[in-house]
């Protein structure tokens, strides 16, 4: 497991508490732009089908934000806040390297 992923997984519980505590306020957060520095660093794409699978070899078909532990919304919500990008909203059909499948 790479260092970035380990670091992100270490802060997930704390981020989850913060996200749940401020969910009403976060519901109005801005949507992330794929060109933002954080999105670029994480390889975030609004549509997982657009992920460069040669560059991001850890991508597995079917891995989308809606079924990631960092997605702070219901899987049925098209956009929701994400702890990996500072609470900005990500597309449910998106993907980034911080992806960690919900149990």
C-alpha atoms as a PDB file:
ATOM      1  CA  UNK A   1       0.000   0.000   0.000  1.00  0.00           C
ATOM      2  CA  UNK A   2       1.456   3.367  -0.923  1.00  0.00           C
ATOM      3  CA  UNK A   3       2.168   6.129   1.605  1.00  0.00           C
ATOM      4  CA  UNK A   4      -0.627   8.424   0.376  1.00  0.00           C
ATOM      5  CA  UNK A   5      -3.260   5.738   0.750  1.00  0.00           C
ATOM      6  CA  UNK A   6      -1.998   4.712   4.204  1.00  0.00           C
ATOM      7  CA  UNK A   7      -2.063   8.349   5.316  1.00  0.00           C
ATOM      8  CA  UNK A   8      -5.578   8.842   4.015  1.00  0.00           C
ATOM      9  CA  UNK A   9      -6.805   5.649   5.632  1.00  0.00           C
ATOM     10  CA  UNK A  10      -5.300   6.746   8.945  1.00  0.00           C
ATOM     11  CA  UNK A  11      -7.394   9.939   8.985  1.00  0.00           C
ATOM     12  CA  UNK A  12     -10.646   8.422   7.730  1.00  0.00           C
ATOM     13  CA  UNK A  13     -12.210   7.898  11.182  1.00  0.00           C
ATOM     14  CA  UNK A  14     -11.526  11.491  12.233  1.00  0.00           C
ATOM     15  CA  UNK A  15     -12.594  12.860   8.868  1.00  0.00           C
ATOM     16  CA  UNK A  16     -15.767  10.788   9.034  1.00  0.00           C
ATOM     17  CA  UNK A  17     -16.726  12.263  12.390  1.00  0.00           C
ATOM     18  CA  UNK A  18     -16.072  15.788  11.128  1.00  0.00           C
ATOM     19  CA  UNK A  19     -18.011  15.132   7.931  1.00  0.00           C
ATOM     20  CA  UNK A  20     -21.005  13.678   9.778  1.00  0.00           C
ATOM     21  CA  UNK A  21     -21.011  16.472  12.338  1.00  0.00           C
ATOM     22  CA  UNK A  22     -21.084  19.134   9.646  1.00  0.00           C
ATOM     23  CA  UNK A  23     -23.128  17.262   7.060  1.00  0.00           C
ATOM     24  CA  UNK A  24     -25.860  19.904   6.760  1.00  0.00           C
ATOM     25  CA  UNK A  25     -23.287  22.631   6.167  1.00  0.00           C
ATOM     26  CA  UNK A  26     -21.238  20.421   3.863  1.00  0.00           C
ATOM     27  CA  UNK A  27     -24.272  19.559   1.776  1.00  0.00           C
ATOM     28  CA  UNK A  28     -23.928  23.009   0.286  1.00  0.00           C
ATOM     29  CA  UNK A  29     -20.185  22.685  -0.369  1.00  0.00           C
ATOM     30  CA  UNK A  30     -18.796  23.376  -3.812  1.00  0.00           C
ATOM     31  CA  UNK A  31     -18.238  20.675  -6.371  1.00  0.00           C
ATOM     32  CA  UNK A  32     -14.612  19.908  -7.043  1.00  0.00           C
ATOM     33  CA  UNK A  33     -13.152  20.776 -10.414  1.00  0.00           C
ATOM     34  CA  UNK A  34     -10.995  18.065 -11.998  1.00  0.00           C
ATOM     35  CA  UNK A  35      -8.370  20.740 -12.714  1.00  0.00           C
ATOM     36  CA  UNK A  36      -7.920  21.742  -9.042  1.00  0.00           C
ATOM     37  CA  UNK A  37      -4.557  20.823  -7.530  1.00  0.00           C
ATOM     38  CA  UNK A  38      -6.034  18.355  -5.043  1.00  0.00           C
ATOM     39  CA  UNK A  39      -8.094  16.617  -7.723  1.00  0.00           C
ATOM     40  CA  UNK A  40      -5.101  16.422 -10.056  1.00  0.00           C
ATOM     41  CA  UNK A  41      -2.830  15.052  -7.315  1.00  0.00           C
ATOM     42  CA  UNK A  42      -5.369  12.325  -6.532  1.00  0.00           C
ATOM     43  CA  UNK A  43      -6.096  11.523 -10.176  1.00  0.00           C
ATOM     44  CA  UNK A  44      -9.760  12.393  -9.573  1.00  0.00           C
ATOM     45  CA  UNK A  45     -12.157  12.092 -12.489  1.00  0.00           C
ATOM     46  CA  UNK A  46     -15.898  12.855 -12.407  1.00  0.00           C
ATOM     47  CA  UNK A  47     -16.419   9.696 -14.474  1.00  0.00           C
ATOM     48  CA  UNK A  48     -14.445   6.595 -13.476  1.00  0.00           C
ATOM     49  CA  UNK A  49     -14.564   5.448 -17.109  1.00  0.00           C
ATOM     50  CA  UNK A  50     -12.167   8.329 -17.892  1.00  0.00           C
ATOM     51  CA  UNK A  51      -9.444   7.126 -15.470  1.00  0.00           C
ATOM     52  CA  UNK A  52      -6.064   6.548 -17.128  1.00  0.00           C
ATOM     53  CA  UNK A  53      -5.664   2.859 -16.235  1.00  0.00           C
ATOM     54  CA  UNK A  54      -2.057   2.817 -17.421  1.00  0.00           C
ATOM     55  CA  UNK A  55      -1.164   5.567 -14.965  1.00  0.00           C
ATOM     56  CA  UNK A  56      -3.454   4.406 -12.152  1.00  0.00           C
ATOM     57  CA  UNK A  57      -2.941   0.657 -12.194  1.00  0.00           C
ATOM     58  CA  UNK A  58      -4.724   0.264  -8.843  1.00  0.00           C
ATOM     59  CA  UNK A  59      -8.027   1.220 -10.480  1.00  0.00           C
ATOM     60  CA  UNK A  60     -10.497  -1.670 -10.554  1.00  0.00           C
ATOM     61  CA  UNK A  61     -13.591  -1.558 -12.743  1.00  0.00           C
ATOM     62  CA  UNK A  62     -16.643  -0.855 -10.589  1.00  0.00           C
ATOM     63  CA  UNK A  63     -14.679   1.300  -8.120  1.00  0.00           C
ATOM     64  CA  UNK A  64     -16.602   4.551  -7.899  1.00  0.00           C
ATOM     65  CA  UNK A  65     -16.954   7.291  -5.318  1.00  0.00           C
ATOM     66  CA  UNK A  66     -20.460   6.128  -4.354  1.00  0.00           C
ATOM     67  CA  UNK A  67     -19.040   2.877  -2.936  1.00  0.00           C
ATOM     68  CA  UNK A  68     -15.975   4.439  -1.254  1.00  0.00           C
ATOM     69  CA  UNK A  69     -15.691   4.924   2.526  1.00  0.00           C
ATOM     70  CA  UNK A  70     -14.772   8.582   1.994  1.00  0.00           C
ATOM     71  CA  UNK A  71     -18.032   9.399   0.162  1.00  0.00           C
ATOM     72  CA  UNK A  72     -20.112  11.216   2.794  1.00  0.00           C
ATOM     73  CA  UNK A  73     -23.436  10.769   1.092  1.00  0.00           C
ATOM     74  CA  UNK A  74     -25.876   8.040   0.267  1.00  0.00           C
ATOM     75  CA  UNK A  75     -24.829   5.905  -2.707  1.00  0.00           C
ATOM     76  CA  UNK A  76     -27.966   7.135  -4.488  1.00  0.00           C
ATOM     77  CA  UNK A  77     -26.908  10.807  -4.248  1.00  0.00           C
ATOM     78  CA  UNK A  78     -25.293  12.013  -7.493  1.00  0.00           C
ATOM     79  CA  UNK A  79     -22.875  14.367  -5.653  1.00  0.00           C
ATOM     80  CA  UNK A  80     -21.672  14.320  -2.050  1.00  0.00           C
ATOM     81  CA  UNK A  81     -18.817  15.652   0.096  1.00  0.00           C
ATOM     82  CA  UNK A  82     -15.587  13.657   0.198  1.00  0.00           C
ATOM     83  CA  UNK A  83     -12.978  13.641   2.952  1.00  0.00           C
ATOM     84  CA  UNK A  84     -10.122  13.139   0.478  1.00  0.00           C
ATOM     85  CA  UNK A  85     -10.777  16.507  -1.163  1.00  0.00           C
ATOM     86  CA  UNK A  86     -11.472  18.650   1.879  1.00  0.00           C
ATOM     87  CA  UNK A  87     -15.209  18.113   1.942  1.00  0.00           C
ATOM     88  CA  UNK A  88     -15.849  19.356  -1.580  1.00  0.00           C
ATOM     89  CA  UNK A  89     -18.476  17.432  -3.472  1.00  0.00           C
ATOM     90  CA  UNK A  90     -17.448  14.650  -5.840  1.00  0.00           C
ATOM     91  CA  UNK A  91     -19.487  12.812  -8.438  1.00  0.00           C
ATOM     92  CA  UNK A  92     -20.895   9.465  -7.316  1.00  0.00           C
ATOM     93  CA  UNK A  93     -19.592   7.973 -10.581  1.00  0.00           C
ATOM     94  CA  UNK A  94     -16.107   9.433 -10.049  1.00  0.00           C
ATOM     95  CA  UNK A  95     -12.851   7.884  -8.820  1.00  0.00           C
ATOM     96  CA  UNK A  96      -9.477   8.857  -7.306  1.00  0.00           C
ATOM     97  CA  UNK A  97      -6.430   7.106  -5.813  1.00  0.00           C
ATOM     98  CA  UNK A  98      -7.819   7.524  -2.290  1.00  0.00           C
ATOM     99  CA  UNK A  99     -10.595   5.067  -3.147  1.00  0.00           C
ATOM    100  CA  UNK A 100     -11.220   2.514  -0.397  1.00  0.00           C
ATOM    101  CA  UNK A 101     -14.157   0.150  -0.858  1.00  0.00           C
ATOM    102  CA  UNK A 102     -16.906   0.274   1.751  1.00  0.00           C
ATOM    103  CA  UNK A 103     -17.192  -2.933   3.729  1.00  0.00           C
END
